[in-house]
PDB file of N, CA and C in Angstrom:
ATOM      1  N   UNK A   1      51.130 -34.065  97.317  1.00  0.00           N
ATOM      2  CA  UNK A   1      51.524 -33.425  96.187  1.00  0.00           C
ATOM      3  C   UNK A   1      51.082 -34.001  94.690  1.00  0.00           C
ATOM      4  N   UNK A   2      51.762 -35.406  94.925  1.00  0.00           N
ATOM      5  CA  UNK A   2      51.461 -36.481  93.652  1.00  0.00           C
ATOM      6  C   UNK A   2      51.483 -37.645  94.186  1.00  0.00           C
ATOM      7  N   UNK A   3      51.402 -38.677  93.634  1.00  0.00           N
ATOM      8  CA  UNK A   3      51.565 -40.261  94.306  1.00  0.00           C
ATOM      9  C   UNK A   3      52.779 -40.475  94.732  1.00  0.00           C
ATOM     10  N   UNK A   4      53.967 -40.084  93.970  1.00  0.00           N
ATOM     11  CA  UNK A   4      55.503 -40.356  94.445  1.00  0.00           C
ATOM     12  C   UNK A   4      56.079 -39.196  95.369  1.00  0.00           C
ATOM     13  N   UNK A   5      55.230 -38.021  95.401  1.00  0.00           N
ATOM     14  CA  UNK A   5      55.809 -36.715  96.608  1.00  0.00           C
ATOM     15  C   UNK A   5      54.943 -36.357  97.353  1.00  0.00           C
ATOM     16  N   UNK A   6      55.491 -36.106  98.902  1.00  0.00           N
ATOM     17  CA  UNK A   6      54.215 -35.665  99.648  1.00  0.00           C
ATOM     18  C   UNK A   6      55.284 -34.313 100.720  1.00  0.00           C
ATOM     19  N   UNK A   7      54.502 -33.458 101.123  1.00  0.00           N
ATOM     20  CA  UNK A   7      55.288 -32.299 101.825  1.00  0.00           C
ATOM     21  C   UNK A   7      55.154 -32.619 103.540  1.00  0.00           C
ATOM     22  N   UNK A   8      56.154 -32.790 104.189  1.00  0.00           N
ATOM     23  CA  UNK A   8      56.064 -33.048 105.418  1.00  0.00           C
ATOM     24  C   UNK A   8      56.904 -31.447 106.261  1.00  0.00           C
ATOM     25  N   UNK A   9      56.486 -31.828 107.684  1.00  0.00           N
ATOM     26  CA  UNK A   9      56.901 -30.555 108.591  1.00  0.00           C
ATOM     27  C   UNK A   9      58.327 -31.161 108.945  1.00  0.00           C
ATOM     28  N   UNK A  10      59.129 -30.270 109.539  1.00  0.00           N
ATOM     29  CA  UNK A  10      60.177 -30.716 110.391  1.00  0.00           C
ATOM     30  C   UNK A  10      60.434 -30.046 111.776  1.00  0.00           C
ATOM     31  N   UNK A  11      60.329 -30.907 112.913  1.00  0.00           N
ATOM     32  CA  UNK A  11      59.943 -30.930 114.206  1.00  0.00           C
ATOM     33  C   UNK A  11      61.508 -30.072 114.692  1.00  0.00           C
ATOM     34  N   UNK A  12      62.514 -30.464 114.048  1.00  0.00           N
ATOM     35  CA  UNK A  12      63.874 -30.057 114.462  1.00  0.00           C
ATOM     36  C   UNK A  12      64.251 -28.815 114.046  1.00  0.00           C
ATOM     37  N   UNK A  13      63.505 -27.807 113.184  1.00  0.00           N
ATOM     38  CA  UNK A  13      63.773 -26.697 112.176  1.00  0.00           C
ATOM     39  C   UNK A  13      63.845 -25.644 113.593  1.00  0.00           C
ATOM     40  N   UNK A  14      65.401 -25.030 113.436  1.00  0.00           N
ATOM     41  CA  UNK A  14      65.612 -24.101 114.207  1.00  0.00           C
ATOM     42  C   UNK A  14      64.989 -22.569 113.662  1.00  0.00           C
ATOM     43  N   UNK A  15      64.971 -21.654 114.653  1.00  0.00           N
ATOM     44  CA  UNK A  15      64.633 -20.182 113.701  1.00  0.00           C
ATOM     45  C   UNK A  15      66.247 -19.786 112.822  1.00  0.00           C
ATOM     46  N   UNK A  16      65.878 -19.003 112.119  1.00  0.00           N
ATOM     47  CA  UNK A  16      67.130 -18.434 111.510  1.00  0.00           C
ATOM     48  C   UNK A  16      67.072 -17.007 111.915  1.00  0.00           C
ATOM     49  N   UNK A  17      68.317 -16.097 111.860  1.00  0.00           N
ATOM     50  CA  UNK A  17      68.739 -14.923 112.662  1.00  0.00           C
ATOM     51  C   UNK A  17      69.426 -14.315 111.492  1.00  0.00           C
ATOM     52  N   UNK A  18      69.173 -12.890 111.207  1.00  0.00           N
ATOM     53  CA  UNK A  18      69.785 -12.291 110.040  1.00  0.00           C
ATOM     54  C   UNK A  18      70.402 -10.937 110.958  1.00  0.00           C
ATOM     55  N   UNK A  19      71.574 -10.671 110.765  1.00  0.00           N
ATOM     56  CA  UNK A  19      71.941  -9.698 110.830  1.00  0.00           C
ATOM     57  C   UNK A  19      72.546  -8.732 109.654  1.00  0.00           C
ATOM     58  N   UNK A  20      71.698  -7.422 109.736  1.00  0.00           N
ATOM     59  CA  UNK A  20      71.887  -6.765 108.215  1.00  0.00           C
ATOM     60  C   UNK A  20      72.550  -5.496 108.474  1.00  0.00           C
ATOM     61  N   UNK A  21      73.079  -4.898 107.798  1.00  0.00           N
ATOM     62  CA  UNK A  21      73.829  -3.459 107.631  1.00  0.00           C
ATOM     63  C   UNK A  21      73.961  -3.193 106.412  1.00  0.00           C
ATOM     64  N   UNK A  22      73.686  -1.654 106.605  1.00  0.00           N
ATOM     65  CA  UNK A  22      73.446  -0.921 104.932  1.00  0.00           C
ATOM     66  C   UNK A  22      73.903   0.481 105.253  1.00  0.00           C
ATOM     67  N   UNK A  23      74.572   0.703 104.457  1.00  0.00           N
ATOM     68  CA  UNK A  23      75.200   2.171 104.322  1.00  0.00           C
ATOM     69  C   UNK A  23      74.640   2.833 102.738  1.00  0.00           C
ATOM     70  N   UNK A  24      74.412   3.849 102.589  1.00  0.00           N
ATOM     71  CA  UNK A  24      73.750   4.683 101.454  1.00  0.00           C
ATOM     72  C   UNK A  24      73.983   6.110 101.280  1.00  0.00           C
ATOM     73  N   UNK A  25      73.936   6.686 100.163  1.00  0.00           N
ATOM     74  CA  UNK A  25      74.026   7.932 100.015  1.00  0.00           C
ATOM     75  C   UNK A  25      73.189   8.425  98.779  1.00  0.00           C
ATOM     76  N   UNK A  26      72.692   9.387  99.459  1.00  0.00           N
ATOM     77  CA  UNK A  26      71.758  10.220  98.273  1.00  0.00           C
ATOM     78  C   UNK A  26      72.257  11.550  97.444  1.00  0.00           C
ATOM     79  N   UNK A  27      72.207  11.704  96.451  1.00  0.00           N
ATOM     80  CA  UNK A  27      72.827  12.888  95.725  1.00  0.00           C
ATOM     81  C   UNK A  27      71.454  13.989  95.534  1.00  0.00           C
ATOM     82  N   UNK A  28      71.418  14.840  95.913  1.00  0.00           N
ATOM     83  CA  UNK A  28      70.488  16.039  95.321  1.00  0.00           C
ATOM     84  C   UNK A  28      69.059  15.302  95.748  1.00  0.00           C
ATOM     85  N   UNK A  29      68.753  14.075  96.521  1.00  0.00           N
ATOM     86  CA  UNK A  29      67.243  13.671  96.918  1.00  0.00           C
ATOM     87  C   UNK A  29      67.071  12.896  95.700  1.00  0.00           C
ATOM     88  N   UNK A  30      67.663  12.456  94.775  1.00  0.00           N
ATOM     89  CA  UNK A  30      67.426  11.624  93.496  1.00  0.00           C
ATOM     90  C   UNK A  30      68.028  10.489  93.073  1.00  0.00           C
ATOM     91  N   UNK A  31      69.618  10.649  92.780  1.00  0.00           N
ATOM     92  CA  UNK A  31      70.131   9.796  92.456  1.00  0.00           C
ATOM     93  C   UNK A  31      70.817   8.920  94.137  1.00  0.00           C
ATOM     94  N   UNK A  32      70.688   7.436  94.030  1.00  0.00           N
ATOM     95  CA  UNK A  32      70.892   7.194  95.431  1.00  0.00           C
ATOM     96  C   UNK A  32      71.982   5.853  94.949  1.00  0.00           C
ATOM     97  N   UNK A  33      73.071   5.437  95.843  1.00  0.00           N
ATOM     98  CA  UNK A  33      73.754   4.449  95.981  1.00  0.00           C
ATOM     99  C   UNK A  33      73.884   3.786  97.258  1.00  0.00           C
ATOM    100  N   UNK A  34      73.623   2.420  97.500  1.00  0.00           N
ATOM    101  CA  UNK A  34      73.530   1.850  98.591  1.00  0.00           C
ATOM    102  C   UNK A  34      74.382   0.659  98.605  1.00  0.00           C
ATOM    103  N   UNK A  35      75.399   0.337  99.755  1.00  0.00           N
ATOM    104  CA  UNK A  35      75.802  -0.924  99.974  1.00  0.00           C
ATOM    105  C   UNK A  35      75.380  -1.872 101.260  1.00  0.00           C
ATOM    106  N   UNK A  36      75.072  -3.032 101.246  1.00  0.00           N
ATOM    107  CA  UNK A  36      74.624  -3.557 102.549  1.00  0.00           C
ATOM    108  C   UNK A  36      75.038  -5.007 102.511  1.00  0.00           C
ATOM    109  N   UNK A  37      75.145  -5.428 103.626  1.00  0.00           N
ATOM    110  CA  UNK A  37      75.623  -7.130 103.865  1.00  0.00           C
ATOM    111  C   UNK A  37      74.739  -7.512 105.179  1.00  0.00           C
ATOM    112  N   UNK A  38      74.276  -8.762 104.652  1.00  0.00           N
ATOM    113  CA  UNK A  38      73.267  -9.571 105.419  1.00  0.00           C
ATOM    114  C   UNK A  38      73.922 -10.855 105.756  1.00  0.00           C
ATOM    115  N   UNK A  39      74.101 -11.327 107.088  1.00  0.00           N
ATOM    116  CA  UNK A  39      74.416 -12.475 107.484  1.00  0.00           C
ATOM    117  C   UNK A  39      73.339 -13.372 108.123  1.00  0.00           C
ATOM    118  N   UNK A  40      73.138 -14.757 107.609  1.00  0.00           N
ATOM    119  CA  UNK A  40      71.920 -15.366 108.370  1.00  0.00           C
ATOM    120  C   UNK A  40      72.618 -16.414 108.900  1.00  0.00           C
ATOM    121  N   UNK A  41      72.018 -16.861 110.298  1.00  0.00           N
ATOM    122  CA  UNK A  41      72.561 -18.228 110.836  1.00  0.00           C
ATOM    123  C   UNK A  41      71.371 -19.166 110.564  1.00  0.00           C
ATOM    124  N   UNK A  42      71.917 -20.780 110.656  1.00  0.00           N
ATOM    125  CA  UNK A  42      70.702 -21.428 110.504  1.00  0.00           C
ATOM    126  C   UNK A  42      69.799 -21.208 109.394  1.00  0.00           C
ATOM    127  N   UNK A  43      70.087 -20.639 108.099  1.00  0.00           N
ATOM    128  CA  UNK A  43      69.475 -20.391 107.107  1.00  0.00           C
ATOM    129  C   UNK A  43      68.313 -21.519 106.646  1.00  0.00           C
ATOM    130  N   UNK A  44      67.211 -21.326 106.679  1.00  0.00           N
ATOM    131  CA  UNK A  44      66.259 -22.460 105.970  1.00  0.00           C
ATOM    132  C   UNK A  44      66.128 -22.438 104.611  1.00  0.00           C
ATOM    133  N   UNK A  45      66.227 -23.464 104.109  1.00  0.00           N
ATOM    134  CA  UNK A  45      65.599 -23.906 102.811  1.00  0.00           C
ATOM    135  C   UNK A  45      65.272 -25.325 102.659  1.00  0.00           C
ATOM    136  N   UNK A  46      64.356 -25.274 101.077  1.00  0.00           N
ATOM    137  CA  UNK A  46      63.852 -26.733 101.053  1.00  0.00           C
ATOM    138  C   UNK A  46      64.533 -27.862 100.869  1.00  0.00           C
ATOM    139  N   UNK A  47      64.264 -28.937 101.052  1.00  0.00           N
ATOM    140  CA  UNK A  47      65.171 -29.905 101.187  1.00  0.00           C
ATOM    141  C   UNK A  47      64.281 -31.189 100.691  1.00  0.00           C
ATOM    142  N   UNK A  48      64.772 -32.076  99.829  1.00  0.00           N
ATOM    143  CA  UNK A  48      64.358 -33.198  99.040  1.00  0.00           C
ATOM    144  C   UNK A  48      65.124 -34.640  99.807  1.00  0.00           C
ATOM    145  N   UNK A  49      64.030 -35.409 100.220  1.00  0.00           N
ATOM    146  CA  UNK A  49      64.857 -36.629 100.437  1.00  0.00           C
ATOM    147  C   UNK A  49      64.184 -37.837  99.864  1.00  0.00           C
ATOM    148  N   UNK A  50      64.905 -38.759  99.613  1.00  0.00           N
ATOM    149  CA  UNK A  50      64.047 -39.713  98.942  1.00  0.00           C
ATOM    150  C   UNK A  50      64.143 -41.140  99.771  1.00  0.00           C
ATOM    151  N   UNK A  51      62.909 -41.470 100.042  1.00  0.00           N
ATOM    152  CA  UNK A  51      62.617 -42.543 100.866  1.00  0.00           C
ATOM    153  C   UNK A  51      61.649 -43.781 100.187  1.00  0.00           C
ATOM    154  N   UNK A  52      62.518 -44.782  99.662  1.00  0.00           N
ATOM    155  CA  UNK A  52      61.891 -45.883  99.199  1.00  0.00           C
ATOM    156  C   UNK A  52      61.730 -45.266  97.606  1.00  0.00           C
ATOM    157  N   UNK A  53      60.428 -45.306  97.168  1.00  0.00           N
ATOM    158  CA  UNK A  53      60.160 -44.484  95.825  1.00  0.00           C
ATOM    159  C   UNK A  53      59.255 -43.577  95.935  1.00  0.00           C
ATOM    160  N   UNK A  54      59.197 -42.671  97.113  1.00  0.00           N
ATOM    161  CA  UNK A  54      58.643 -41.642  97.216  1.00  0.00           C
ATOM    162  C   UNK A  54      59.715 -40.297  97.836  1.00  0.00           C
ATOM    163  N   UNK A  55      59.517 -39.386  97.516  1.00  0.00           N
ATOM    164  CA  UNK A  55      60.304 -38.017  97.651  1.00  0.00           C
ATOM    165  C   UNK A  55      59.699 -37.243  98.653  1.00  0.00           C
ATOM    166  N   UNK A  56      60.394 -36.997 100.088  1.00  0.00           N
ATOM    167  CA  UNK A  56      59.689 -36.158 101.166  1.00  0.00           C
ATOM    168  C   UNK A  56      60.129 -34.867 100.586  1.00  0.00           C
ATOM    169  N   UNK A  57      59.183 -33.891 100.658  1.00  0.00           N
ATOM    170  CA  UNK A  57      59.728 -32.501 100.650  1.00  0.00           C
ATOM    171  C   UNK A  57      59.533 -31.777 102.191  1.00  0.00           C
ATOM    172  N   UNK A  58      60.660 -31.275 102.223  1.00  0.00           N
ATOM    173  CA  UNK A  58      60.669 -30.355 103.778  1.00  0.00           C
ATOM    174  C   UNK A  58      61.359 -29.085 103.739  1.00  0.00           C
ATOM    175  N   UNK A  59      61.305 -28.707 104.894  1.00  0.00           N
ATOM    176  CA  UNK A  59      62.272 -27.239 105.301  1.00  0.00           C
ATOM    177  C   UNK A  59      63.317 -27.838 106.348  1.00  0.00           C
ATOM    178  N   UNK A  60      64.831 -27.323 105.648  1.00  0.00           N
ATOM    179  CA  UNK A  60      65.711 -27.717 106.605  1.00  0.00           C
ATOM    180  C   UNK A  60      66.555 -26.529 106.949  1.00  0.00           C
ATOM    181  N   UNK A  61      67.387 -26.522 108.080  1.00  0.00           N
ATOM    182  CA  UNK A  61      68.378 -25.418 108.301  1.00  0.00           C
ATOM    183  C   UNK A  61      69.631 -26.017 107.655  1.00  0.00           C
ATOM    184  N   UNK A  62      70.191 -25.293 106.819  1.00  0.00           N
ATOM    185  CA  UNK A  62      71.362 -25.993 105.789  1.00  0.00           C
ATOM    186  C   UNK A  62      72.510 -25.353 106.349  1.00  0.00           C
ATOM    187  N   UNK A  63      72.620 -24.004 106.694  1.00  0.00           N
ATOM    188  CA  UNK A  63      73.750 -23.426 106.709  1.00  0.00           C
ATOM    189  C   UNK A  63      73.865 -22.038 107.222  1.00  0.00           C
ATOM    190  N   UNK A  64      75.240 -20.956 107.050  1.00  0.00           N
ATOM    191  CA  UNK A  64      75.199 -19.621 106.976  1.00  0.00           C
ATOM    192  C   UNK A  64      74.591 -19.215 105.974  1.00  0.00           C
ATOM    193  N   UNK A  65      74.083 -18.006 105.937  1.00  0.00           N
ATOM    194  CA  UNK A  65      74.066 -17.088 104.348  1.00  0.00           C
ATOM    195  C   UNK A  65      74.681 -16.300 104.412  1.00  0.00           C
ATOM    196  N   UNK A  66      75.511 -15.705 103.321  1.00  0.00           N
ATOM    197  CA  UNK A  66      76.107 -14.093 103.525  1.00  0.00           C
ATOM    198  C   UNK A  66      75.632 -13.769 102.128  1.00  0.00           C
ATOM    199  N   UNK A  67      75.052 -12.221 102.228  1.00  0.00           N
ATOM    200  CA  UNK A  67      74.579 -11.752 101.075  1.00  0.00           C
ATOM    201  C   UNK A  67      75.294 -10.298 101.127  1.00  0.00           C
ATOM    202  N   UNK A  68      75.744  -9.910  99.992  1.00  0.00           N
ATOM    203  CA  UNK A  68      76.140  -8.616  99.655  1.00  0.00           C
ATOM    204  C   UNK A  68      75.706  -7.855  98.566  1.00  0.00           C
ATOM    205  N   UNK A  69      75.364  -6.614  98.546  1.00  0.00           N
ATOM    206  CA  UNK A  69      74.298  -5.984  97.544  1.00  0.00           C
ATOM    207  C   UNK A  69      74.738  -4.350  97.452  1.00  0.00           C
ATOM    208  N   UNK A  70      75.190  -4.089  96.049  1.00  0.00           N
ATOM    209  CA  UNK A  70      75.444  -2.671  95.765  1.00  0.00           C
ATOM    210  C   UNK A  70      74.036  -2.699  95.037  1.00  0.00           C
ATOM    211  N   UNK A  71      73.479  -1.235  95.122  1.00  0.00           N
ATOM    212  CA  UNK A  71      72.534  -0.635  94.630  1.00  0.00           C
ATOM    213  C   UNK A  71      72.491   0.587  93.777  1.00  0.00           C
ATOM    214  N   UNK A  72      72.366   0.705  92.684  1.00  0.00           N
ATOM    215  CA  UNK A  72      72.518   2.172  91.956  1.00  0.00           C
ATOM    216  C   UNK A  72      70.933   2.834  91.595  1.00  0.00           C
ATOM    217  N   UNK A  73      70.501   3.985  91.901  1.00  0.00           N
ATOM    218  CA  UNK A  73      69.432   3.967  91.148  1.00  0.00           C
ATOM    219  C   UNK A  73      68.946   5.801  91.011  1.00  0.00           C
ATOM    220  N   UNK A  74      68.832   6.031  89.709  1.00  0.00           N
ATOM    221  CA  UNK A  74      68.437   7.436  89.482  1.00  0.00           C
ATOM    222  C   UNK A  74      67.357   7.609  88.507  1.00  0.00           C
ATOM    223  N   UNK A  75      66.884   8.791  88.944  1.00  0.00           N
ATOM    224  CA  UNK A  75      65.638   9.257  87.916  1.00  0.00           C
ATOM    225  C   UNK A  75      65.765   9.218  86.375  1.00  0.00           C
ATOM    226  N   UNK A  76      64.937   8.874  85.566  1.00  0.00           N
ATOM    227  CA  UNK A  76      65.351   9.288  84.018  1.00  0.00           C
ATOM    228  C   UNK A  76      63.976   9.795  83.599  1.00  0.00           C
ATOM    229  N   UNK A  77      64.247  10.792  82.966  1.00  0.00           N
ATOM    230  CA  UNK A  77      62.963  11.304  82.262  1.00  0.00           C
ATOM    231  C   UNK A  77      63.215  11.149  80.738  1.00  0.00           C
ATOM    232  N   UNK A  78      62.661  10.199  79.988  1.00  0.00           N
ATOM    233  CA  UNK A  78      62.773  10.282  78.572  1.00  0.00           C
ATOM    234  C   UNK A  78      61.734  11.110  77.617  1.00  0.00           C
ATOM    235  N   UNK A  79      60.608  11.726  78.527  1.00  0.00           N
ATOM    236  CA  UNK A  79      59.849  12.493  77.934  1.00  0.00           C
ATOM    237  C   UNK A  79      59.302  13.384  79.049  1.00  0.00           C
ATOM    238  N   UNK A  80      59.010  14.881  79.057  1.00  0.00           N
ATOM    239  CA  UNK A  80      58.617  15.369  80.042  1.00  0.00           C
ATOM    240  C   UNK A  80      57.543  15.231  80.965  1.00  0.00           C
ATOM    241  N   UNK A  81      56.712  14.231  80.239  1.00  0.00           N
ATOM    242  CA  UNK A  81      55.585  13.908  81.239  1.00  0.00           C
ATOM    243  C   UNK A  81      55.755  12.559  81.699  1.00  0.00           C
ATOM    244  N   UNK A  82      56.923  11.716  81.480  1.00  0.00           N
ATOM    245  CA  UNK A  82      57.235  10.635  81.998  1.00  0.00           C
ATOM    246  C   UNK A  82      58.407  10.341  82.898  1.00  0.00           C
ATOM    247  N   UNK A  83      58.599   9.897  83.895  1.00  0.00           N
ATOM    248  CA  UNK A  83      59.790  10.064  84.635  1.00  0.00           C
ATOM    249  C   UNK A  83      59.734   8.405  85.175  1.00  0.00           C
ATOM    250  N   UNK A  84      60.889   7.687  84.794  1.00  0.00           N
ATOM    251  CA  UNK A  84      61.194   6.046  85.151  1.00  0.00           C
ATOM    252  C   UNK A  84      62.315   6.562  86.089  1.00  0.00           C
ATOM    253  N   UNK A  85      62.327   5.325  86.898  1.00  0.00           N
ATOM    254  CA  UNK A  85      63.474   5.598  87.749  1.00  0.00           C
ATOM    255  C   UNK A  85      63.961   3.883  87.870  1.00  0.00           C
ATOM    256  N   UNK A  86      65.048   3.614  86.989  1.00  0.00           N
ATOM    257  CA  UNK A  86      65.819   2.528  86.860  1.00  0.00           C
ATOM    258  C   UNK A  86      66.660   2.197  87.847  1.00  0.00           C
ATOM    259  N   UNK A  87      66.989   1.044  88.014  1.00  0.00           N
ATOM    260  CA  UNK A  87      68.118   0.883  89.334  1.00  0.00           C
ATOM    261  C   UNK A  87      68.829  -0.320  88.826  1.00  0.00           C
ATOM    262  N   UNK A  88      69.910  -0.803  89.283  1.00  0.00           N
ATOM    263  CA  UNK A  88      70.701  -1.931  88.967  1.00  0.00           C
ATOM    264  C   UNK A  88      71.092  -2.192  90.188  1.00  0.00           C
ATOM    265  N   UNK A  89      71.195  -3.725  90.268  1.00  0.00           N
ATOM    266  CA  UNK A  89      71.653  -4.517  91.738  1.00  0.00           C
ATOM    267  C   UNK A  89      72.538  -5.238  91.357  1.00  0.00           C
ATOM    268  N   UNK A  90      73.676  -5.351  91.981  1.00  0.00           N
ATOM    269  CA  UNK A  90      74.851  -6.112  91.690  1.00  0.00           C
ATOM    270  C   UNK A  90      74.623  -7.196  93.153  1.00  0.00           C
ATOM    271  N   UNK A  91      74.693  -8.143  93.371  1.00  0.00           N
ATOM    272  CA  UNK A  91      74.865  -9.011  94.403  1.00  0.00           C
ATOM    273  C   UNK A  91      75.438 -10.281  94.473  1.00  0.00           C
ATOM    274  N   UNK A  92      76.299 -10.804  95.584  1.00  0.00           N
ATOM    275  CA  UNK A  92      76.668 -11.843  95.428  1.00  0.00           C
ATOM    276  C   UNK A  92      75.964 -12.541  96.813  1.00  0.00           C
ATOM    277  N   UNK A  93      75.616 -13.940  96.479  1.00  0.00           N
ATOM    278  CA  UNK A  93      74.842 -14.530  97.503  1.00  0.00           C
ATOM    279  C   UNK A  93      75.632 -16.023  97.856  1.00  0.00           C
ATOM    280  N   UNK A  94      76.293 -16.407  99.204  1.00  0.00           N
ATOM    281  CA  UNK A  94      77.071 -17.460  99.444  1.00  0.00           C
ATOM    282  C   UNK A  94      76.514 -18.024 100.783  1.00  0.00           C
ATOM    283  N   UNK A  95      76.624 -19.400 100.628  1.00  0.00           N
ATOM    284  CA  UNK A  95      76.197 -20.315 101.608  1.00  0.00           C
ATOM    285  C   UNK A  95      77.524 -21.083 102.123  1.00  0.00           C
ATOM    286  N   UNK A  96      77.731 -21.153 103.377  1.00  0.00           N
ATOM    287  CA  UNK A  96      78.477 -22.059 103.821  1.00  0.00           C
ATOM    288  C   UNK A  96      77.753 -23.343 104.636  1.00  0.00           C
ATOM    289  N   UNK A  97      77.878 -24.422 104.077  1.00  0.00           N
ATOM    290  CA  UNK A  97      77.182 -25.484 104.222  1.00  0.00           C
ATOM    291  C   UNK A  97      78.223 -26.770 103.642  1.00  0.00           C
ATOM    292  N   UNK A  98      77.705 -28.008 104.413  1.00  0.00           N
ATOM    293  CA  UNK A  98      78.505 -29.281 104.094  1.00  0.00           C
ATOM    294  C   UNK A  98      77.985 -29.796 102.822  1.00  0.00           C
TER     295      UNK A  98
END
């Protein structure tokens, strides 16, 4: 990457697994709302270690990851020939790690 930073693999990396659940509702085929929850075990993230005066960048298993997401989407037609579909997402991400 540069003289002080290098990228390294991780032979001890474990696979991450995600359980995902979602419930949704559509109104007249246009407006929709959904709520989802994801639970990821052995979540993988980039990690940095300083070894002497160099920095090693690698991927590590850090923790359990939880995600809750609420989505609302509805069509909007500002003029007759133009339809937009704006959506709003509210989410919470949490890691359980040391």
